[in-house]
Amino acid sequence: MRIISGAIGFAVIILITRRTGTVWAGLKDKKAMGATFMGAIFGPFVGVSLSLMAVQYTNTAIASTIMATTPIIILIPYILFYKKKITLVELVGAVLSVGGVALFFL
């Protein structure tokens, strides 16, 4: 039901903003569609499957804390791909997010 609602919502927005040409051009781009497909497989499907497996095979507190390290892990590609320095606010935010999840399970 969520997928159908989302698809209808996107269709309405695309029609209202009159961007159907842009959408068709994107759908015809094989490289873009391949990247979208791989992102759809490795993001939700593999990520959620491995998260559920982690909860099944280890303590929920440990698995949840490890899964909450995403804000810290994402900083590495941010530095490498965008060649930007991490600000103190970004670093503190990432550490606080993991620390907050860890506090739930103390």
N, C-alpha and C. Protein backbone atom coordinates (compact mmCIF):
# COMPACT_ATOMS: atom_id res chain seq x y z
N MET A 1 0.81 -1.19 0.00
CA MET A 1 0.00 0.00 0.00
C MET A 1 0.86 1.27 0.00
N ARG A 2 1.99 1.22 0.76
CA ARG A 2 2.88 2.40 0.79
C ARG A 2 3.48 2.67 -0.58
N ILE A 3 3.86 1.60 -1.28
CA ILE A 3 4.47 1.78 -2.60
C ILE A 3 3.47 2.38 -3.58
N ILE A 4 2.24 1.88 -3.54
CA ILE A 4 1.21 2.40 -4.44
C ILE A 4 0.92 3.87 -4.12
N SER A 5 0.79 4.18 -2.84
CA SER A 5 0.55 5.58 -2.44
C SER A 5 1.70 6.48 -2.86
N GLY A 6 2.92 6.00 -2.66
CA GLY A 6 4.09 6.78 -3.06
C GLY A 6 4.15 7.00 -4.56
N ALA A 7 3.85 5.95 -5.33
CA ALA A 7 3.87 6.07 -6.79
C ALA A 7 2.82 7.06 -7.27
N ILE A 8 1.64 6.99 -6.68
CA ILE A 8 0.58 7.94 -7.06
C ILE A 8 0.99 9.36 -6.68
N GLY A 9 1.57 9.53 -5.50
CA GLY A 9 2.03 10.85 -5.08
C GLY A 9 3.08 11.42 -6.01
N PHE A 10 4.06 10.58 -6.39
CA PHE A 10 5.09 11.04 -7.32
C PHE A 10 4.49 11.39 -8.67
N ALA A 11 3.54 10.57 -9.15
CA ALA A 11 2.91 10.85 -10.44
C ALA A 11 2.19 12.20 -10.41
N VAL A 12 1.49 12.47 -9.34
CA VAL A 12 0.78 13.74 -9.22
C VAL A 12 1.77 14.91 -9.22
N ILE A 13 2.84 14.78 -8.45
CA ILE A 13 3.84 15.86 -8.39
C ILE A 13 4.49 16.07 -9.75
N ILE A 14 4.82 14.98 -10.44
CA ILE A 14 5.45 15.08 -11.76
C ILE A 14 4.51 15.76 -12.75
N LEU A 15 3.23 15.39 -12.70
CA LEU A 15 2.27 16.00 -13.62
C LEU A 15 2.04 17.48 -13.30
N ILE A 16 1.96 17.82 -12.03
CA ILE A 16 1.72 19.22 -11.64
C ILE A 16 2.91 20.09 -12.03
N THR A 17 4.13 19.58 -11.82
CA THR A 17 5.33 20.38 -12.14
C THR A 17 5.72 20.27 -13.61
N ARG A 18 5.00 19.46 -14.36
CA ARG A 18 5.23 19.28 -15.81
C ARG A 18 6.66 18.84 -16.12
N ARG A 19 7.10 17.81 -15.42
CA ARG A 19 8.45 17.29 -15.63
C ARG A 19 8.43 15.88 -16.20
N THR A 20 7.42 15.54 -16.94
CA THR A 20 7.34 14.19 -17.50
C THR A 20 8.49 13.92 -18.47
N GLY A 21 8.93 14.93 -19.19
CA GLY A 21 10.05 14.75 -20.12
C GLY A 21 11.33 14.38 -19.40
N THR A 22 11.56 15.02 -18.27
CA THR A 22 12.75 14.72 -17.47
C THR A 22 12.69 13.30 -16.93
N VAL A 23 11.51 12.88 -16.50
CA VAL A 23 11.35 11.51 -15.98
C VAL A 23 11.61 10.49 -17.08
N TRP A 24 11.04 10.70 -18.26
CA TRP A 24 11.25 9.75 -19.37
C TRP A 24 12.72 9.70 -19.77
N ALA A 25 13.39 10.84 -19.77
CA ALA A 25 14.82 10.86 -20.10
C ALA A 25 15.61 10.06 -19.07
N GLY A 26 15.25 10.20 -17.81
CA GLY A 26 15.92 9.44 -16.76
C GLY A 26 15.67 7.95 -16.88
N LEU A 27 14.45 7.57 -17.23
CA LEU A 27 14.13 6.15 -17.38
C LEU A 27 14.86 5.52 -18.56
N LYS A 28 15.18 6.30 -19.57
CA LYS A 28 15.89 5.78 -20.75
C LYS A 28 17.40 5.70 -20.53
N ASP A 29 17.91 6.35 -19.51
CA ASP A 29 19.34 6.35 -19.21
C ASP A 29 19.71 5.04 -18.50
N LYS A 30 20.36 4.13 -19.23
CA LYS A 30 20.67 2.81 -18.68
C LYS A 30 21.63 2.88 -17.50
N LYS A 31 22.58 3.79 -17.55
CA LYS A 31 23.53 3.91 -16.45
C LYS A 31 22.82 4.36 -15.17
N ALA A 32 21.94 5.34 -15.31
CA ALA A 32 21.19 5.84 -14.15
C ALA A 32 20.25 4.78 -13.60
N MET A 33 19.60 4.04 -14.47
CA MET A 33 18.69 2.99 -14.02
C MET A 33 19.45 1.86 -13.35
N GLY A 34 20.64 1.55 -13.84
CA GLY A 34 21.46 0.52 -13.21
C GLY A 34 21.88 0.93 -11.81
N ALA A 35 22.29 2.18 -11.67
CA ALA A 35 22.67 2.69 -10.35
C ALA A 35 21.47 2.70 -9.41
N THR A 36 20.31 3.06 -9.92
CA THR A 36 19.10 3.07 -9.10
C THR A 36 18.74 1.65 -8.66
N PHE A 37 18.85 0.70 -9.57
CA PHE A 37 18.56 -0.70 -9.25
C PHE A 37 19.51 -1.22 -8.17
N MET A 38 20.80 -0.95 -8.35
CA MET A 38 21.79 -1.42 -7.36
C MET A 38 21.54 -0.76 -6.00
N GLY A 39 21.20 0.51 -6.01
CA GLY A 39 20.90 1.19 -4.76
C GLY A 39 19.67 0.61 -4.08
N ALA A 40 18.68 0.23 -4.88
CA ALA A 40 17.47 -0.37 -4.31
C ALA A 40 17.75 -1.74 -3.71
N ILE A 41 18.65 -2.49 -4.33
CA ILE A 41 18.98 -3.83 -3.82
C ILE A 41 19.87 -3.72 -2.58
N PHE A 42 20.96 -2.98 -2.68
CA PHE A 42 21.92 -2.93 -1.58
C PHE A 42 21.45 -2.06 -0.42
N GLY A 43 20.59 -1.12 -0.67
CA GLY A 43 20.12 -0.27 0.42
C GLY A 43 19.11 -0.98 1.29
N PRO A 44 17.87 -0.96 0.90
CA PRO A 44 16.84 -1.54 1.77
C PRO A 44 16.90 -3.06 1.89
N PHE A 45 17.04 -3.76 0.79
CA PHE A 45 16.93 -5.22 0.82
C PHE A 45 18.07 -5.86 1.61
N VAL A 46 19.29 -5.63 1.20
CA VAL A 46 20.44 -6.23 1.89
C VAL A 46 20.61 -5.62 3.28
N GLY A 47 20.46 -4.31 3.39
CA GLY A 47 20.65 -3.65 4.68
C GLY A 47 19.68 -4.13 5.74
N VAL A 48 18.40 -4.20 5.40
CA VAL A 48 17.40 -4.65 6.36
C VAL A 48 17.59 -6.13 6.67
N SER A 49 17.89 -6.93 5.66
CA SER A 49 18.11 -8.36 5.88
C SER A 49 19.26 -8.59 6.85
N LEU A 50 20.37 -7.91 6.64
CA LEU A 50 21.51 -8.08 7.53
C LEU A 50 21.24 -7.52 8.93
N SER A 51 20.46 -6.45 9.01
CA SER A 51 20.10 -5.92 10.33
C SER A 51 19.26 -6.92 11.11
N LEU A 52 18.30 -7.54 10.44
CA LEU A 52 17.47 -8.54 11.11
C LEU A 52 18.30 -9.75 11.52
N MET A 53 19.25 -10.13 10.67
CA MET A 53 20.12 -11.25 11.01
C MET A 53 20.99 -10.91 12.22
N ALA A 54 21.47 -9.68 12.29
CA ALA A 54 22.29 -9.25 13.42
C ALA A 54 21.50 -9.33 14.73
N VAL A 55 20.25 -8.89 14.69
CA VAL A 55 19.42 -8.94 15.89
C VAL A 55 19.14 -10.39 16.28
N GLN A 56 19.01 -11.26 15.28
CA GLN A 56 18.73 -12.67 15.55
C GLN A 56 19.92 -13.37 16.20
N TYR A 57 21.13 -13.05 15.77
CA TYR A 57 22.31 -13.79 16.21
C TYR A 57 23.11 -13.14 17.33
N THR A 58 22.74 -11.95 17.74
CA THR A 58 23.48 -11.29 18.82
C THR A 58 22.50 -10.56 19.73
N ASN A 59 23.02 -9.97 20.76
CA ASN A 59 22.21 -9.19 21.69
C ASN A 59 21.63 -7.98 20.95
N THR A 60 20.37 -7.69 21.20
CA THR A 60 19.71 -6.57 20.52
C THR A 60 20.40 -5.24 20.80
N ALA A 61 20.88 -5.06 22.00
CA ALA A 61 21.57 -3.81 22.35
C ALA A 61 22.82 -3.61 21.52
N ILE A 62 23.59 -4.67 21.36
CA ILE A 62 24.82 -4.58 20.56
C ILE A 62 24.49 -4.33 19.10
N ALA A 63 23.53 -5.08 18.57
CA ALA A 63 23.16 -4.92 17.16
C ALA A 63 22.63 -3.51 16.89
N SER A 64 21.79 -3.00 17.77
CA SER A 64 21.22 -1.66 17.58
C SER A 64 22.29 -0.58 17.64
N THR A 65 23.23 -0.73 18.55
CA THR A 65 24.30 0.25 18.66
C THR A 65 25.18 0.24 17.41
N ILE A 66 25.49 -0.95 16.91
CA ILE A 66 26.29 -1.05 15.69
C ILE A 66 25.53 -0.46 14.51
N MET A 67 24.23 -0.74 14.41
CA MET A 67 23.43 -0.19 13.31
C MET A 67 23.33 1.33 13.40
N ALA A 68 23.44 1.87 14.60
CA ALA A 68 23.35 3.32 14.79
C ALA A 68 24.65 4.03 14.45
N THR A 69 25.69 3.29 14.10
CA THR A 69 26.97 3.93 13.75
C THR A 69 26.97 4.50 12.34
N THR A 70 25.87 4.40 11.62
CA THR A 70 25.80 4.92 10.26
C THR A 70 26.25 6.38 10.15
N PRO A 71 25.84 7.28 11.05
CA PRO A 71 26.32 8.67 10.93
C PRO A 71 27.83 8.80 11.03
N ILE A 72 28.47 7.92 11.78
CA ILE A 72 29.93 7.97 11.89
C ILE A 72 30.57 7.37 10.64
N ILE A 73 30.04 6.23 10.19
CA ILE A 73 30.61 5.55 9.03
C ILE A 73 30.47 6.40 7.76
N ILE A 74 29.38 7.14 7.64
CA ILE A 74 29.15 7.94 6.44
C ILE A 74 30.13 9.11 6.34
N LEU A 75 30.77 9.47 7.44
CA LEU A 75 31.74 10.56 7.41
C LEU A 75 32.96 10.21 6.56
N ILE A 76 33.33 8.93 6.50
CA ILE A 76 34.51 8.51 5.72
C ILE A 76 34.31 8.77 4.22
N PRO A 77 33.21 8.27 3.60
CA PRO A 77 33.02 8.61 2.18
C PRO A 77 32.84 10.11 1.95
N TYR A 78 32.26 10.79 2.93
CA TYR A 78 32.08 12.24 2.82
C TYR A 78 33.43 12.93 2.65
N ILE A 79 34.41 12.50 3.42
CA ILE A 79 35.76 13.07 3.33
C ILE A 79 36.41 12.67 2.01
N LEU A 80 36.32 11.38 1.67
CA LEU A 80 37.02 10.87 0.49
C LEU A 80 36.44 11.38 -0.83
N PHE A 81 35.12 11.38 -0.96
CA PHE A 81 34.50 11.73 -2.23
C PHE A 81 34.30 13.23 -2.42
N TYR A 82 33.98 13.93 -1.35
CA TYR A 82 33.72 15.36 -1.47
C TYR A 82 34.91 16.22 -1.09
N LYS A 83 35.96 15.58 -0.58
CA LYS A 83 37.20 16.29 -0.22
C LYS A 83 36.92 17.46 0.73
N LYS A 84 36.04 17.22 1.69
CA LYS A 84 35.69 18.26 2.65
C LYS A 84 36.12 17.84 4.04
N LYS A 85 36.38 18.83 4.87
CA LYS A 85 36.73 18.55 6.26
C LYS A 85 35.45 18.46 7.08
N ILE A 86 35.50 17.61 8.08
CA ILE A 86 34.36 17.45 8.97
C ILE A 86 34.38 18.57 10.01
N THR A 87 33.25 19.21 10.18
CA THR A 87 33.18 20.26 11.19
C THR A 87 32.96 19.63 12.56
N LEU A 88 33.23 20.39 13.58
CA LEU A 88 33.05 19.91 14.95
C LEU A 88 31.58 19.55 15.20
N VAL A 89 30.67 20.33 14.65
CA VAL A 89 29.24 20.08 14.83
C VAL A 89 28.86 18.73 14.22
N GLU A 90 29.38 18.42 13.03
CA GLU A 90 29.09 17.14 12.38
C GLU A 90 29.63 15.98 13.20
N LEU A 91 30.83 16.11 13.68
CA LEU A 91 31.45 15.05 14.48
C LEU A 91 30.69 14.84 15.79
N VAL A 92 30.38 15.92 16.47
CA VAL A 92 29.64 15.81 17.73
C VAL A 92 28.26 15.20 17.49
N GLY A 93 27.60 15.60 16.42
CA GLY A 93 26.29 15.04 16.09
C GLY A 93 26.35 13.55 15.83
N ALA A 94 27.37 13.10 15.11
CA ALA A 94 27.52 11.67 14.83
C ALA A 94 27.77 10.88 16.11
N VAL A 95 28.64 11.39 16.95
CA VAL A 95 28.96 10.70 18.20
C VAL A 95 27.74 10.68 19.13
N LEU A 96 27.03 11.79 19.21
CA LEU A 96 25.83 11.85 20.06
C LEU A 96 24.75 10.89 19.60
N SER A 97 24.61 10.72 18.28
CA SER A 97 23.59 9.80 17.79
C SER A 97 23.88 8.37 18.21
N VAL A 98 25.12 7.96 18.12
CA VAL A 98 25.49 6.60 18.55
C VAL A 98 25.39 6.49 20.07
N GLY A 99 25.86 7.50 20.77
CA GLY A 99 25.79 7.48 22.23
C GLY A 99 24.36 7.44 22.73
N GLY A 100 23.47 8.14 22.06
CA GLY A 100 22.06 8.13 22.45
C GLY A 100 21.44 6.76 22.32
N VAL A 101 21.74 6.07 21.25
CA VAL A 101 21.22 4.71 21.08
C VAL A 101 21.82 3.78 22.13
N ALA A 102 23.10 3.92 22.40
CA ALA A 102 23.76 3.08 23.40
C ALA A 102 23.13 3.29 24.78
N LEU A 103 22.73 4.53 25.09
CA LEU A 103 22.11 4.81 26.39
C LEU A 103 20.78 4.08 26.58
N PHE A 104 20.08 3.83 25.49
CA PHE A 104 18.82 3.10 25.59
C PHE A 104 19.00 1.71 26.19
N PHE A 105 20.17 1.13 25.96
CA PHE A 105 20.37 -0.27 26.31
C PHE A 105 21.28 -0.46 27.51
N LEU A 106 21.54 0.58 28.28
CA LEU A 106 22.35 0.43 29.49
C LEU A 106 21.54 -0.13 30.63
